Amino acid sequence: MITEQLHFTGKVAIITGGGTGIGYATALQLARLGAHTVIASRGAAELEASAAQIREASLAQGKGECLAVPTDVKDEEAVCRLIQTAMDSFGRIDVLINNAGGTRMGPLESIPTRGWDAIFDLNVRSAYFCTREAGKHMIAQKSGAIVSISSSAGITGVKGGAHYSAAKSALQMFTKVTAAEWGRYGIRANCVAAGAISSPRAVAAWDVAGLGPETMGAGIPLRRTGTPDEIANMIVFMASDAASYISGQTIAVDGGPSLGGIPLED
């Protein structure tokens, strides 16, 4: 039964960017399904507060533990310490969620080299560090599931985000090649391409730009933005045994395609 395949009892999951938004929602769902979770982000106080909430939710059901490990995923040595901490604490790694990412939008002609590199460091290089290090242990145990969080920008591109679109597209190809190379070890790798999601940080950024969820969602077929839980639902599925024959794919969770053509009345 599919519900039985969504259990993570005894499994260990690392979630980068796990203190807020999509990462937190994912860690919370995995914990409630029985996983031991290791959440990582740069903000130590915020991260520990999130870990305490996850522990409370999971332990109330007699489920897994949650460990907060402050980490700058752009720092190779910090990522190595994160993976080793997970191994020292739980002895295995079953799931890796490469969720840390983000961007600052701007026209191509004004993106400095430093800004371009920073977006690739955060969205691609960090996933490479985490995948490589966690993958060593997954290869040894002959199993594992890796889910990286991309964006609809990585599929269609977005004006004002040449660097972000290119980075997320690179993440998707990195995922495809990882799946092809490591499938023989029983390791699956997939991407979830998120659309406009009303996470607290996204809403704050939209407010600064004079926008809001209603405006951002107006052009989406479902006429609304998504929630962190809706992305977490797909991440958990892709990490679970219910997706045991899915690998190397990028799945869009974006409220539907926006197409050209004749205007339609609501």
Protein backbone atom coordinates (compact mmCIF):
# COMPACT_ATOMS: atom_id res chain seq x y z
CA MET A 1 0.00 0.00 0.00
CA ILE A 2 1.21 3.49 -0.82
CA THR A 3 0.61 4.75 2.73
CA GLU A 4 3.04 2.16 4.05
CA GLN A 5 5.62 3.31 1.50
CA LEU A 6 5.41 6.84 2.88
CA HIS A 7 6.77 5.77 6.26
CA PHE A 8 10.29 6.90 7.16
CA THR A 9 10.66 5.15 10.51
CA GLY A 10 14.35 4.65 11.31
CA LYS A 11 15.51 6.64 8.29
CA VAL A 12 17.78 9.68 8.52
CA ALA A 13 17.09 12.80 6.44
CA ILE A 14 19.24 15.90 6.01
CA ILE A 15 17.41 19.06 4.94
CA THR A 16 19.39 22.17 4.02
CA GLY A 17 17.59 25.46 4.46
CA GLY A 18 15.57 23.54 7.02
CA GLY A 19 14.83 26.39 9.41
CA THR A 20 12.09 28.13 7.42
CA GLY A 21 9.67 27.86 4.53
CA ILE A 22 9.82 24.80 2.30
CA GLY A 23 12.72 23.26 4.22
CA TYR A 24 10.97 23.51 7.56
CA ALA A 25 7.69 22.18 6.14
CA THR A 26 9.56 19.22 4.63
CA ALA A 27 11.49 18.44 7.82
CA LEU A 28 8.28 18.58 9.84
CA GLN A 29 6.48 16.18 7.50
CA LEU A 30 9.42 13.75 7.44
CA ALA A 31 9.66 13.84 11.23
CA ARG A 32 5.95 13.13 11.61
CA LEU A 33 6.43 10.14 9.29
CA GLY A 34 9.11 8.76 11.56
CA ALA A 35 12.40 10.09 10.19
CA HIS A 36 15.32 11.33 12.24
CA THR A 37 15.90 14.78 10.75
CA VAL A 38 19.02 16.93 10.52
CA ILE A 39 18.21 20.52 9.57
CA ALA A 40 20.84 23.01 8.45
CA SER A 41 20.95 26.74 7.77
CA ARG A 42 23.10 29.72 8.71
CA GLY A 43 20.87 31.25 11.38
CA ALA A 44 21.61 29.28 14.54
CA ALA A 45 18.87 30.76 16.76
CA GLU A 46 16.14 30.43 14.11
CA LEU A 47 17.33 26.92 13.28
CA GLU A 48 17.22 25.72 16.88
CA ALA A 49 13.75 27.19 17.36
CA SER A 50 12.55 25.27 14.31
CA ALA A 51 14.24 22.09 15.54
CA ALA A 52 12.46 22.42 18.88
CA GLN A 53 9.08 22.64 17.11
CA ILE A 54 9.91 19.61 14.96
CA ARG A 55 11.00 17.63 18.03
CA GLU A 56 7.79 18.52 19.82
CA ALA A 57 5.67 17.44 16.85
CA SER A 58 7.55 14.20 16.24
CA LEU A 59 8.25 13.06 19.77
CA ALA A 60 4.60 13.59 20.72
CA GLN A 61 3.92 10.72 18.34
CA GLY A 62 6.88 8.66 19.51
CA LYS A 63 8.71 9.37 16.25
CA GLY A 64 12.23 10.50 15.34
CA GLU A 65 14.70 13.02 16.69
CA CYS A 66 15.66 16.38 15.16
CA LEU A 67 19.20 17.77 15.16
CA ALA A 68 19.99 21.40 14.28
CA VAL A 69 23.40 21.95 12.68
CA PRO A 70 24.20 25.59 11.80
CA THR A 71 25.84 25.42 8.38
CA ASP A 72 26.79 27.73 5.53
CA VAL A 73 26.23 25.34 2.62
CA LYS A 74 28.45 27.49 0.39
CA ASP A 75 31.40 26.50 2.61
CA GLU A 76 32.82 23.12 1.59
CA GLU A 77 34.34 22.36 5.00
CA ALA A 78 31.09 23.31 6.75
CA VAL A 79 29.17 20.88 4.53
CA CYS A 80 31.67 18.11 5.32
CA ARG A 81 31.11 18.77 9.03
CA LEU A 82 27.33 18.67 8.53
CA ILE A 83 27.44 15.26 6.88
CA GLN A 84 29.88 13.89 9.45
CA THR A 85 27.70 15.17 12.30
CA ALA A 86 24.72 13.33 10.83
CA MET A 87 26.77 10.14 10.54
CA ASP A 88 28.19 10.46 14.05
CA SER A 89 24.71 11.05 15.47
CA PHE A 90 22.66 8.47 13.57
CA GLY A 91 25.10 6.19 11.74
CA ARG A 92 23.49 6.50 8.30
CA ILE A 93 22.01 8.91 5.75
CA ASP A 94 18.95 7.82 3.78
CA VAL A 95 17.57 11.08 2.42
CA LEU A 96 19.20 14.35 1.34
CA ILE A 97 17.03 17.38 0.55
CA ASN A 98 19.05 20.10 -1.21
CA ASN A 99 16.66 22.92 -0.39
CA ALA A 100 18.98 25.87 0.33
CA GLY A 101 18.76 28.44 -2.45
CA GLY A 102 17.54 31.86 -3.46
CA THR A 103 18.27 34.88 -5.62
CA ARG A 104 18.23 38.62 -6.03
CA MET A 105 16.58 39.68 -9.26
CA GLY A 106 18.02 42.20 -11.68
CA PRO A 107 18.47 42.89 -15.41
CA LEU A 108 21.24 40.94 -17.11
CA GLU A 109 23.25 44.02 -18.03
CA SER A 110 23.59 45.02 -14.37
CA ILE A 111 24.40 41.63 -12.82
CA PRO A 112 27.99 41.85 -11.54
CA THR A 113 30.30 38.86 -11.87
CA ARG A 114 30.34 38.59 -8.11
CA GLY A 115 26.54 38.42 -8.01
CA TRP A 116 26.42 35.79 -10.76
CA ASP A 117 28.95 33.64 -8.89
CA ALA A 118 27.10 34.04 -5.59
CA ILE A 119 23.86 32.69 -7.09
CA PHE A 120 25.65 29.67 -8.57
CA ASP A 121 27.45 29.07 -5.25
CA LEU A 122 24.17 29.04 -3.33
CA ASN A 123 22.00 27.12 -5.78
CA VAL A 124 24.40 24.71 -7.50
CA ARG A 125 27.77 24.48 -5.78
CA SER A 126 26.18 23.87 -2.39
CA ALA A 127 24.07 21.02 -3.80
CA TYR A 128 27.20 19.53 -5.33
CA PHE A 129 29.00 19.63 -1.95
CA CYS A 130 26.06 18.06 -0.11
CA THR A 131 25.37 15.44 -2.77
CA ARG A 132 29.01 14.42 -3.06
CA GLU A 133 29.53 14.07 0.69
CA ALA A 134 26.21 12.40 1.53
CA GLY A 135 26.58 10.25 -1.57
CA LYS A 136 29.73 8.62 -0.21
CA HIS A 137 27.67 7.08 2.59
CA MET A 138 24.69 6.28 0.35
CA ILE A 139 26.99 4.45 -2.06
CA ALA A 140 28.46 2.45 0.83
CA GLN A 141 25.01 1.41 2.07
CA LYS A 142 23.70 0.86 -1.49
CA SER A 143 20.62 3.04 -1.03
CA GLY A 144 19.48 6.63 -0.78
CA ALA A 145 17.14 9.30 -2.12
CA ILE A 146 18.23 12.82 -3.07
CA VAL A 147 15.71 15.56 -3.82
CA SER A 148 16.93 18.98 -4.93
CA ILE A 149 14.67 22.00 -4.98
CA SER A 150 14.72 23.81 -8.29
CA SER A 151 12.36 26.44 -9.64
CA SER A 152 10.08 26.98 -12.60
CA ALA A 153 12.79 29.47 -13.59
CA GLY A 154 15.01 26.48 -14.29
CA ILE A 155 12.46 25.14 -16.79
CA THR A 156 11.15 28.24 -18.57
CA GLY A 157 13.56 30.96 -17.47
CA VAL A 158 12.52 34.27 -15.97
CA LYS A 159 13.37 37.79 -17.09
CA GLY A 160 15.39 39.57 -14.45
CA GLY A 161 16.86 36.28 -13.30
CA ALA A 162 19.37 35.17 -15.92
CA HIS A 163 21.76 33.99 -13.20
CA TYR A 164 19.02 32.24 -11.18
CA SER A 165 17.44 30.58 -14.22
CA ALA A 166 20.82 29.31 -15.41
CA ALA A 167 21.72 28.04 -11.92
CA LYS A 168 18.45 26.16 -11.44
CA SER A 169 18.72 24.67 -14.92
CA ALA A 170 22.24 23.53 -14.03
CA LEU A 171 20.90 21.98 -10.82
CA GLN A 172 18.38 19.99 -12.85
CA MET A 173 21.06 18.63 -15.18
CA PHE A 174 23.33 17.84 -12.24
CA THR A 175 20.44 15.84 -10.77
CA LYS A 176 19.88 13.94 -14.02
CA VAL A 177 23.55 12.96 -14.29
CA THR A 178 23.69 11.99 -10.60
CA ALA A 179 20.72 9.69 -11.16
CA ALA A 180 22.37 8.12 -14.21
CA GLU A 181 25.71 7.53 -12.48
CA TRP A 182 24.49 6.40 -9.06
CA GLY A 183 21.43 4.37 -9.99
CA ARG A 184 23.57 1.23 -9.88
CA TYR A 185 24.03 1.85 -6.15
CA GLY A 186 20.29 1.99 -5.50
CA ILE A 187 20.38 5.80 -5.23
CA ARG A 188 17.61 7.94 -6.75
CA ALA A 189 17.97 11.66 -7.50
CA ASN A 190 15.16 13.99 -8.53
CA CYS A 191 14.27 17.69 -8.65
CA VAL A 192 11.13 19.50 -7.58
CA ALA A 193 10.68 22.74 -9.53
CA ALA A 194 8.70 25.10 -7.33
CA GLY A 195 6.55 27.89 -8.70
CA ALA A 196 5.50 31.02 -6.77
CA ILE A 197 5.35 29.86 -3.16
CA SER A 198 4.10 32.03 -0.29
CA SER A 199 6.85 31.26 2.18
CA PRO A 200 7.44 33.96 4.81
CA ARG A 201 10.61 35.21 3.10
CA ALA A 202 9.03 35.24 -0.35
CA VAL A 203 6.03 37.21 0.91
CA ALA A 204 8.37 39.71 2.57
CA ALA A 205 10.28 40.14 -0.70
CA TRP A 206 7.03 40.58 -2.65
CA ASP A 207 5.92 43.23 -0.17
CA VAL A 208 9.16 45.16 -0.69
CA ALA A 209 8.49 45.08 -4.43
CA GLY A 210 4.95 46.38 -3.86
CA LEU A 211 3.40 43.05 -4.78
CA GLY A 212 1.47 40.44 -2.83
CA PRO A 213 0.29 36.84 -3.12
CA GLU A 214 -2.86 37.95 -4.97
CA THR A 215 -0.82 39.79 -7.61
CA MET A 216 1.76 37.03 -7.89
CA GLY A 217 -0.96 34.42 -8.30
CA ALA A 218 -3.07 36.28 -10.84
CA GLY A 219 -1.37 34.77 -13.88
CA ILE A 220 -1.28 31.22 -12.54
CA PRO A 221 -3.97 28.85 -13.88
CA LEU A 222 -5.06 27.92 -10.33
CA ARG A 223 -5.24 31.67 -9.59
CA ARG A 224 -3.15 31.53 -6.44
CA THR A 225 0.36 31.04 -5.16
CA GLY A 226 1.35 27.78 -3.52
CA THR A 227 2.25 27.00 0.07
CA PRO A 228 5.43 25.45 1.52
CA ASP A 229 3.42 22.38 2.51
CA GLU A 230 2.37 21.82 -1.10
CA ILE A 231 6.01 21.66 -2.17
CA ALA A 232 6.88 19.53 0.85
CA ASN A 233 4.18 17.03 -0.18
CA MET A 234 5.99 16.36 -3.46
CA ILE A 235 9.43 16.32 -1.83
CA VAL A 236 8.32 13.71 0.71
CA PHE A 237 6.75 11.60 -2.04
CA MET A 238 9.92 11.75 -4.16
CA ALA A 239 12.04 10.79 -1.15
CA SER A 240 9.78 7.90 -0.23
CA ASP A 241 9.58 4.28 -1.39
CA ALA A 242 6.35 5.21 -3.16
CA ALA A 243 8.59 6.83 -5.82
CA SER A 244 10.98 3.87 -5.95
CA TYR A 245 11.10 3.76 -9.78
CA ILE A 246 11.37 7.52 -10.38
CA SER A 247 14.85 8.96 -10.84
CA GLY A 248 16.52 11.72 -12.83
CA GLN A 249 13.31 13.72 -13.18
CA THR A 250 12.32 17.33 -12.62
CA ILE A 251 8.70 17.63 -11.45
CA ALA A 252 7.03 21.04 -11.59
CA VAL A 253 4.77 22.05 -8.71
CA ASP A 254 3.67 25.45 -9.93
CA GLY A 255 -0.12 25.73 -10.16
CA GLY A 256 -0.26 24.89 -13.86
CA PRO A 257 1.25 26.08 -17.15
CA SER A 258 0.91 29.66 -18.34
CA LEU A 259 0.37 29.53 -22.10
CA GLY A 260 -0.11 32.01 -24.89
CA GLY A 261 -3.18 32.04 -27.11
CA ILE A 262 -6.56 33.70 -27.14
CA PRO A 263 -7.72 35.49 -23.99
CA LEU A 264 -10.36 33.61 -22.00
CA GLU A 265 -13.05 35.04 -19.77
CA ASP A 266 -13.15 33.99 -16.10
